[in-house]
Amino acid sequence: MKVLTINYNTREDNHAGTREFVFWHLPQVQYKNPSVQIVTFKNLTPTPFIRCYLDSGKQVLIDVDGKTKEEIHNRLQRILGKSEATLAAEEMAKQKVDNPANFGLNCDRHCICEIPGQIPCPSIAQLPVPYRGKFVFQTPIE
């Protein structure tokens, strides 16, 4: 979507939901869609409506006459927004970050010893004598 225009009057009763939508929800819509130009036209039309100019050159006209701010928000989200399943999938993809430095269960590497240049696990190969605690911390008896 390139441009979203909202047309309403500031005094008539059937425009109250649109005025409240502009006051309560429009800042959040602008914040979530920084690449969309949003324009409001006041006192130019007898009935309130929202027009969306899409990237493909088509226009979507939404009648919001007599609707509440929640109904307008839900209609915009249903028509132009992403579905709940898409949003949930994007959130899961955002949370699952495959970092090569992570190791353990559910990661690419089970143990840090699988990384080249690290000391192998003592269960696979015996550690060098200086790395064993019983030789380092044990004092010789004379």
N, C-alpha and C. Protein backbone atom coordinates (compact mmCIF):
# COMPACT_ATOMS: atom_id res chain seq x y z
N MET A 1 0.85 -1.16 0.00
CA MET A 1 0.00 0.00 0.00
C MET A 1 0.90 1.23 0.00
N LYS A 2 0.54 2.20 -0.82
CA LYS A 2 1.34 3.42 -0.91
C LYS A 2 0.73 4.55 -0.08
N VAL A 3 -0.58 4.80 -0.28
CA VAL A 3 -1.22 5.95 0.34
C VAL A 3 -2.55 5.52 0.95
N LEU A 4 -2.86 6.06 2.12
CA LEU A 4 -4.14 5.84 2.79
C LEU A 4 -4.74 7.21 3.07
N THR A 5 -5.94 7.48 2.55
CA THR A 5 -6.59 8.77 2.80
C THR A 5 -7.84 8.52 3.63
N ILE A 6 -8.07 9.40 4.60
CA ILE A 6 -9.24 9.32 5.47
C ILE A 6 -10.00 10.62 5.30
N ASN A 7 -11.27 10.53 4.90
CA ASN A 7 -12.12 11.70 4.67
C ASN A 7 -13.24 11.70 5.70
N TYR A 8 -13.38 12.79 6.45
CA TYR A 8 -14.43 12.89 7.46
C TYR A 8 -14.69 14.36 7.78
N ASN A 9 -15.81 14.59 8.48
CA ASN A 9 -16.15 15.93 8.95
C ASN A 9 -15.93 16.00 10.45
N THR A 10 -15.75 17.21 10.95
CA THR A 10 -15.43 17.37 12.37
C THR A 10 -16.66 17.60 13.25
N ARG A 11 -17.87 17.78 12.66
CA ARG A 11 -19.02 18.12 13.49
C ARG A 11 -20.19 17.16 13.41
N GLU A 12 -20.34 16.38 12.39
CA GLU A 12 -21.53 15.56 12.21
C GLU A 12 -21.45 14.27 13.04
N ASP A 13 -22.64 13.74 13.44
CA ASP A 13 -22.69 12.58 14.33
C ASP A 13 -22.24 11.29 13.65
N ASN A 14 -22.57 11.11 12.35
CA ASN A 14 -22.18 9.86 11.70
C ASN A 14 -20.67 9.80 11.41
N HIS A 15 -19.94 10.86 11.68
CA HIS A 15 -18.49 10.90 11.51
C HIS A 15 -17.75 10.70 12.83
N ALA A 16 -18.48 10.48 13.93
CA ALA A 16 -17.86 10.39 15.26
C ALA A 16 -16.87 9.22 15.35
N GLY A 17 -17.23 8.07 14.81
CA GLY A 17 -16.32 6.92 14.86
C GLY A 17 -15.04 7.16 14.09
N THR A 18 -15.15 7.87 12.97
CA THR A 18 -13.96 8.16 12.18
C THR A 18 -13.07 9.16 12.89
N ARG A 19 -13.68 10.16 13.53
CA ARG A 19 -12.88 11.12 14.32
C ARG A 19 -12.15 10.42 15.45
N GLU A 20 -12.84 9.52 16.14
CA GLU A 20 -12.20 8.78 17.23
C GLU A 20 -11.12 7.84 16.71
N PHE A 21 -11.35 7.22 15.54
CA PHE A 21 -10.33 6.36 14.94
C PHE A 21 -9.08 7.16 14.64
N VAL A 22 -9.25 8.35 14.08
CA VAL A 22 -8.10 9.20 13.75
C VAL A 22 -7.36 9.60 15.03
N PHE A 23 -8.09 9.87 16.10
CA PHE A 23 -7.47 10.29 17.35
C PHE A 23 -6.77 9.12 18.06
N TRP A 24 -7.43 7.95 18.14
CA TRP A 24 -6.91 6.86 18.95
C TRP A 24 -6.04 5.86 18.19
N HIS A 25 -6.40 5.53 16.96
CA HIS A 25 -5.72 4.44 16.26
C HIS A 25 -4.76 4.89 15.16
N LEU A 26 -4.94 6.06 14.61
CA LEU A 26 -4.10 6.47 13.48
C LEU A 26 -2.61 6.57 13.84
N PRO A 27 -2.22 7.07 15.01
CA PRO A 27 -0.78 7.09 15.33
C PRO A 27 -0.15 5.70 15.35
N GLN A 28 -0.89 4.69 15.85
CA GLN A 28 -0.36 3.33 15.86
C GLN A 28 -0.25 2.78 14.44
N VAL A 29 -1.23 3.08 13.59
CA VAL A 29 -1.19 2.63 12.21
C VAL A 29 0.00 3.26 11.50
N GLN A 30 0.24 4.54 11.75
CA GLN A 30 1.39 5.22 11.14
C GLN A 30 2.70 4.62 11.63
N TYR A 31 2.78 4.30 12.91
CA TYR A 31 4.01 3.76 13.47
C TYR A 31 4.32 2.38 12.90
N LYS A 32 3.29 1.54 12.76
CA LYS A 32 3.49 0.19 12.25
C LYS A 32 3.74 0.15 10.75
N ASN A 33 3.38 1.21 10.03
CA ASN A 33 3.54 1.27 8.57
C ASN A 33 4.30 2.53 8.19
N PRO A 34 5.61 2.58 8.41
CA PRO A 34 6.35 3.81 8.15
C PRO A 34 6.48 4.16 6.66
N SER A 35 6.31 3.18 5.78
CA SER A 35 6.46 3.46 4.35
C SER A 35 5.14 3.86 3.69
N VAL A 36 4.06 3.95 4.46
CA VAL A 36 2.76 4.32 3.91
C VAL A 36 2.47 5.78 4.24
N GLN A 37 2.09 6.53 3.22
CA GLN A 37 1.71 7.93 3.43
C GLN A 37 0.25 7.96 3.84
N ILE A 38 -0.05 8.59 4.97
CA ILE A 38 -1.41 8.67 5.48
C ILE A 38 -1.84 10.14 5.48
N VAL A 39 -2.99 10.41 4.83
CA VAL A 39 -3.48 11.77 4.68
C VAL A 39 -4.91 11.83 5.20
N THR A 40 -5.23 12.85 5.98
CA THR A 40 -6.60 13.05 6.43
C THR A 40 -7.17 14.31 5.79
N PHE A 41 -8.39 14.19 5.27
CA PHE A 41 -9.10 15.33 4.69
C PHE A 41 -10.31 15.61 5.57
N LYS A 42 -10.37 16.82 6.12
CA LYS A 42 -11.46 17.19 7.02
C LYS A 42 -12.43 18.13 6.31
N ASN A 43 -13.72 17.94 6.61
CA ASN A 43 -14.80 18.82 6.17
C ASN A 43 -14.86 18.97 4.65
N LEU A 44 -14.65 17.89 3.91
CA LEU A 44 -14.72 17.94 2.45
C LEU A 44 -15.76 16.98 1.87
N THR A 45 -16.40 16.15 2.70
CA THR A 45 -17.28 15.11 2.18
C THR A 45 -18.52 14.97 3.07
N PRO A 46 -19.67 14.62 2.48
CA PRO A 46 -20.87 14.42 3.30
C PRO A 46 -20.85 13.10 4.08
N THR A 47 -20.15 12.08 3.59
CA THR A 47 -20.06 10.79 4.28
C THR A 47 -18.59 10.41 4.48
N PRO A 48 -18.27 9.81 5.62
CA PRO A 48 -16.88 9.44 5.86
C PRO A 48 -16.48 8.18 5.08
N PHE A 49 -15.26 8.16 4.57
CA PHE A 49 -14.74 6.99 3.88
C PHE A 49 -13.22 6.99 3.94
N ILE A 50 -12.67 5.81 3.69
CA ILE A 50 -11.22 5.62 3.65
C ILE A 50 -10.88 5.08 2.27
N ARG A 51 -9.90 5.65 1.62
CA ARG A 51 -9.45 5.18 0.32
C ARG A 51 -7.98 4.80 0.42
N CYS A 52 -7.67 3.61 -0.10
CA CYS A 52 -6.31 3.10 -0.07
C CYS A 52 -5.83 2.94 -1.51
N TYR A 53 -4.67 3.47 -1.79
CA TYR A 53 -4.04 3.34 -3.10
C TYR A 53 -2.96 2.27 -2.97
N LEU A 54 -3.16 1.14 -3.65
CA LEU A 54 -2.25 0.00 -3.53
C LEU A 54 -1.07 0.13 -4.48
N ASP A 55 -0.05 -0.69 -4.27
CA ASP A 55 1.15 -0.68 -5.10
C ASP A 55 0.84 -1.06 -6.55
N SER A 56 -0.19 -1.88 -6.74
CA SER A 56 -0.52 -2.33 -8.09
C SER A 56 -1.27 -1.27 -8.90
N GLY A 57 -1.60 -0.14 -8.29
CA GLY A 57 -2.33 0.92 -8.97
C GLY A 57 -3.82 0.88 -8.71
N LYS A 58 -4.29 -0.17 -8.05
CA LYS A 58 -5.72 -0.28 -7.74
C LYS A 58 -6.04 0.52 -6.49
N GLN A 59 -7.33 0.82 -6.33
CA GLN A 59 -7.80 1.57 -5.16
C GLN A 59 -8.80 0.72 -4.40
N VAL A 60 -8.78 0.83 -3.07
CA VAL A 60 -9.75 0.16 -2.22
C VAL A 60 -10.51 1.25 -1.49
N LEU A 61 -11.84 1.25 -1.63
CA LEU A 61 -12.69 2.25 -1.00
C LEU A 61 -13.46 1.58 0.13
N ILE A 62 -13.33 2.11 1.34
CA ILE A 62 -13.97 1.53 2.53
C ILE A 62 -14.96 2.56 3.08
N ASP A 63 -16.23 2.15 3.17
CA ASP A 63 -17.26 3.03 3.73
C ASP A 63 -17.26 2.86 5.25
N VAL A 64 -17.09 3.96 5.97
CA VAL A 64 -17.05 3.91 7.43
C VAL A 64 -18.15 4.77 8.04
N ASP A 65 -19.23 4.99 7.31
CA ASP A 65 -20.34 5.83 7.77
C ASP A 65 -21.05 5.17 8.94
N GLY A 66 -21.06 5.82 10.10
CA GLY A 66 -21.75 5.33 11.28
C GLY A 66 -21.03 4.22 12.02
N LYS A 67 -19.82 3.90 11.68
CA LYS A 67 -19.06 2.83 12.34
C LYS A 67 -18.31 3.39 13.55
N THR A 68 -18.05 2.51 14.53
CA THR A 68 -17.26 2.91 15.69
C THR A 68 -15.78 2.79 15.35
N LYS A 69 -14.94 3.33 16.23
CA LYS A 69 -13.49 3.28 15.98
C LYS A 69 -12.98 1.85 15.96
N GLU A 70 -13.53 0.96 16.80
CA GLU A 70 -13.10 -0.44 16.81
C GLU A 70 -13.52 -1.15 15.53
N GLU A 71 -14.75 -0.87 15.06
CA GLU A 71 -15.21 -1.49 13.82
C GLU A 71 -14.35 -1.05 12.63
N ILE A 72 -13.98 0.23 12.60
CA ILE A 72 -13.13 0.74 11.52
C ILE A 72 -11.76 0.08 11.59
N HIS A 73 -11.19 -0.01 12.78
CA HIS A 73 -9.87 -0.62 12.95
C HIS A 73 -9.91 -2.09 12.54
N ASN A 74 -10.93 -2.83 12.98
CA ASN A 74 -11.02 -4.25 12.63
C ASN A 74 -11.22 -4.44 11.13
N ARG A 75 -12.00 -3.58 10.49
CA ARG A 75 -12.23 -3.70 9.05
C ARG A 75 -10.94 -3.42 8.27
N LEU A 76 -10.21 -2.38 8.68
CA LEU A 76 -8.93 -2.08 8.02
C LEU A 76 -7.95 -3.24 8.18
N GLN A 77 -7.90 -3.80 9.38
CA GLN A 77 -6.97 -4.89 9.63
C GLN A 77 -7.37 -6.13 8.84
N ARG A 78 -8.68 -6.41 8.73
CA ARG A 78 -9.14 -7.58 8.00
C ARG A 78 -8.90 -7.44 6.51
N ILE A 79 -9.15 -6.24 5.95
CA ILE A 79 -9.04 -6.04 4.51
C ILE A 79 -7.59 -5.85 4.07
N LEU A 80 -6.83 -5.00 4.77
CA LEU A 80 -5.50 -4.62 4.31
C LEU A 80 -4.35 -5.21 5.12
N GLY A 81 -4.64 -5.66 6.34
CA GLY A 81 -3.57 -6.14 7.20
C GLY A 81 -3.24 -7.60 6.98
N LYS A 82 -2.24 -8.06 7.71
CA LYS A 82 -1.85 -9.46 7.65
C LYS A 82 -2.76 -10.27 8.56
N SER A 83 -2.92 -11.54 8.23
CA SER A 83 -3.76 -12.41 9.05
C SER A 83 -3.04 -12.74 10.36
N GLU A 84 -3.80 -13.25 11.31
CA GLU A 84 -3.22 -13.61 12.62
C GLU A 84 -2.20 -14.74 12.46
N ALA A 85 -2.47 -15.67 11.54
CA ALA A 85 -1.55 -16.78 11.33
C ALA A 85 -0.22 -16.27 10.76
N THR A 86 -0.29 -15.31 9.84
CA THR A 86 0.94 -14.75 9.26
C THR A 86 1.74 -14.00 10.32
N LEU A 87 1.05 -13.21 11.14
CA LEU A 87 1.73 -12.47 12.21
C LEU A 87 2.38 -13.42 13.21
N ALA A 88 1.67 -14.51 13.56
CA ALA A 88 2.24 -15.49 14.50
C ALA A 88 3.45 -16.18 13.90
N ALA A 89 3.39 -16.52 12.61
CA ALA A 89 4.52 -17.17 11.96
C ALA A 89 5.73 -16.24 11.89
N GLU A 90 5.51 -14.96 11.60
CA GLU A 90 6.61 -14.00 11.57
C GLU A 90 7.22 -13.81 12.95
N GLU A 91 6.39 -13.83 13.98
CA GLU A 91 6.91 -13.68 15.34
C GLU A 91 7.76 -14.89 15.73
N MET A 92 7.32 -16.08 15.35
CA MET A 92 8.10 -17.29 15.64
C MET A 92 9.43 -17.27 14.88
N ALA A 93 9.41 -16.84 13.64
CA ALA A 93 10.65 -16.77 12.86
C ALA A 93 11.60 -15.72 13.42
N LYS A 94 11.03 -14.67 13.97
CA LYS A 94 11.84 -13.61 14.56
C LYS A 94 12.50 -14.10 15.85
N GLN A 95 11.79 -14.90 16.64
CA GLN A 95 12.33 -15.39 17.90
C GLN A 95 13.39 -16.46 17.70
N LYS A 96 13.21 -17.33 16.69
CA LYS A 96 14.16 -18.41 16.46
C LYS A 96 15.32 -17.88 15.63
N VAL A 97 16.35 -17.52 16.30
CA VAL A 97 17.55 -17.02 15.65
C VAL A 97 18.63 -18.09 15.79
N ASP A 98 19.07 -18.62 14.66
CA ASP A 98 20.12 -19.64 14.69
C ASP A 98 21.48 -18.95 14.79
N ASN A 99 22.01 -18.93 15.97
CA ASN A 99 23.30 -18.33 16.22
C ASN A 99 24.33 -19.45 16.28
N PRO A 100 25.38 -19.40 15.50
CA PRO A 100 26.38 -20.48 15.53
C PRO A 100 27.10 -20.58 16.87
N ALA A 101 27.00 -19.57 17.71
CA ALA A 101 27.67 -19.63 19.01
C ALA A 101 26.84 -20.42 20.03
N ASN A 102 25.57 -20.70 19.72
CA ASN A 102 24.73 -21.46 20.65
C ASN A 102 25.03 -22.95 20.51
N PHE A 103 25.03 -23.65 21.64
CA PHE A 103 25.19 -25.10 21.61
C PHE A 103 24.38 -25.68 22.75
N GLY A 104 24.02 -26.93 22.60
CA GLY A 104 23.19 -27.62 23.57
C GLY A 104 22.01 -28.26 22.86
N LEU A 105 20.98 -28.61 23.62
CA LEU A 105 19.79 -29.22 23.03
C LEU A 105 19.10 -28.23 22.09
N ASN A 106 18.52 -28.73 21.02
CA ASN A 106 17.79 -27.94 20.01
C ASN A 106 18.68 -26.93 19.30
N CYS A 107 19.96 -27.15 19.26
CA CYS A 107 20.88 -26.27 18.54
C CYS A 107 21.65 -27.10 17.51
N ASP A 108 22.41 -26.41 16.68
CA ASP A 108 23.20 -27.10 15.66
C ASP A 108 24.26 -28.01 16.27
N ARG A 109 24.86 -27.60 17.35
CA ARG A 109 25.93 -28.37 17.99
C ARG A 109 25.50 -28.76 19.40
N HIS A 110 25.79 -30.01 19.74
CA HIS A 110 25.39 -30.49 21.06
C HIS A 110 26.36 -30.02 22.15
N CYS A 111 27.64 -29.95 21.79
CA CYS A 111 28.66 -29.62 22.78
C CYS A 111 29.66 -28.66 22.15
N ILE A 112 30.33 -27.90 22.97
CA ILE A 112 31.33 -26.95 22.46
C ILE A 112 32.55 -27.69 21.90
N CYS A 113 32.71 -28.95 22.27
CA CYS A 113 33.86 -29.70 21.75
C CYS A 113 33.72 -30.01 20.26
N GLU A 114 32.53 -29.83 19.69
CA GLU A 114 32.33 -30.08 18.27
C GLU A 114 32.87 -28.94 17.40
N ILE A 115 33.20 -27.82 18.01
CA ILE A 115 33.73 -26.68 17.27
C ILE A 115 35.23 -26.88 17.08
N PRO A 116 35.74 -26.70 15.86
CA PRO A 116 37.17 -26.91 15.64
C PRO A 116 38.02 -25.95 16.49
N GLY A 117 39.08 -26.49 17.06
CA GLY A 117 39.98 -25.70 17.87
C GLY A 117 39.68 -25.78 19.36
N GLN A 118 38.58 -26.43 19.74
CA GLN A 118 38.24 -26.56 21.15
C GLN A 118 38.78 -27.90 21.69
N ILE A 119 38.90 -27.98 22.98
CA ILE A 119 39.37 -29.21 23.62
C ILE A 119 38.27 -30.26 23.48
N PRO A 120 38.60 -31.48 23.12
CA PRO A 120 37.57 -32.51 22.99
C PRO A 120 37.00 -32.91 24.35
N CYS A 121 35.84 -33.52 24.32
CA CYS A 121 35.20 -33.97 25.56
C CYS A 121 36.06 -35.05 26.22
N PRO A 122 36.16 -35.06 27.55
CA PRO A 122 36.95 -36.08 28.24
C PRO A 122 36.39 -37.48 28.02
N SER A 123 35.12 -37.61 27.67
CA SER A 123 34.57 -38.95 27.43
C SER A 123 35.04 -39.52 26.10
N ILE A 124 35.45 -38.66 25.18
CA ILE A 124 35.89 -39.12 23.85
C ILE A 124 37.41 -39.27 23.81
N ALA A 125 38.11 -38.26 24.27
CA ALA A 125 39.58 -38.29 24.27
C ALA A 125 40.07 -37.81 25.63
N GLN A 126 41.10 -38.46 26.14
CA GLN A 126 41.61 -38.10 27.45
C GLN A 126 42.29 -36.72 27.39
N LEU A 127 42.02 -35.90 28.42
CA LEU A 127 42.61 -34.57 28.47
C LEU A 127 44.11 -34.65 28.73
N PRO A 128 44.87 -33.67 28.28
CA PRO A 128 46.30 -33.64 28.60
C PRO A 128 46.49 -33.52 30.11
N VAL A 129 47.61 -34.01 30.58
CA VAL A 129 47.88 -34.05 32.02
C VAL A 129 47.78 -32.67 32.68
N PRO A 130 48.30 -31.58 32.08
CA PRO A 130 48.19 -30.29 32.76
C PRO A 130 46.76 -29.78 32.91
N TYR A 131 45.85 -30.31 32.10
CA TYR A 131 44.46 -29.84 32.17
C TYR A 131 43.62 -30.62 33.18
N ARG A 132 44.19 -31.67 33.75
CA ARG A 132 43.44 -32.47 34.71
C ARG A 132 43.61 -31.89 36.10
N GLY A 133 42.52 -31.76 36.81
CA GLY A 133 42.53 -31.12 38.11
C GLY A 133 43.33 -31.84 39.16
N LYS A 134 43.33 -33.18 39.12
CA LYS A 134 44.04 -33.92 40.17
C LYS A 134 45.56 -33.74 40.07
N PHE A 135 46.05 -33.40 38.89
CA PHE A 135 47.48 -33.16 38.75
C PHE A 135 47.84 -31.71 39.04
N VAL A 136 46.91 -30.79 38.79
CA VAL A 136 47.20 -29.37 39.00
C VAL A 136 47.06 -28.99 40.46
N PHE A 137 45.98 -29.47 41.10
CA PHE A 137 45.68 -29.02 42.45
C PHE A 137 46.28 -29.91 43.53
N GLN A 138 46.81 -31.05 43.16
CA GLN A 138 47.40 -31.93 44.14
C GLN A 138 48.86 -31.54 44.36
N THR A 139 49.19 -31.29 45.59
CA THR A 139 50.58 -30.91 45.89
C THR A 139 51.38 -32.19 46.19
N PRO A 140 52.58 -32.24 45.71
CA PRO A 140 53.39 -33.46 45.98
C PRO A 140 53.76 -33.54 47.46
N ILE A 141 53.74 -34.71 47.98
CA ILE A 141 54.11 -34.96 49.39
C ILE A 141 55.59 -35.33 49.41
N GLU A 142 56.32 -34.67 50.25
CA GLU A 142 57.75 -34.93 50.34
C GLU A 142 58.13 -35.52 51.64
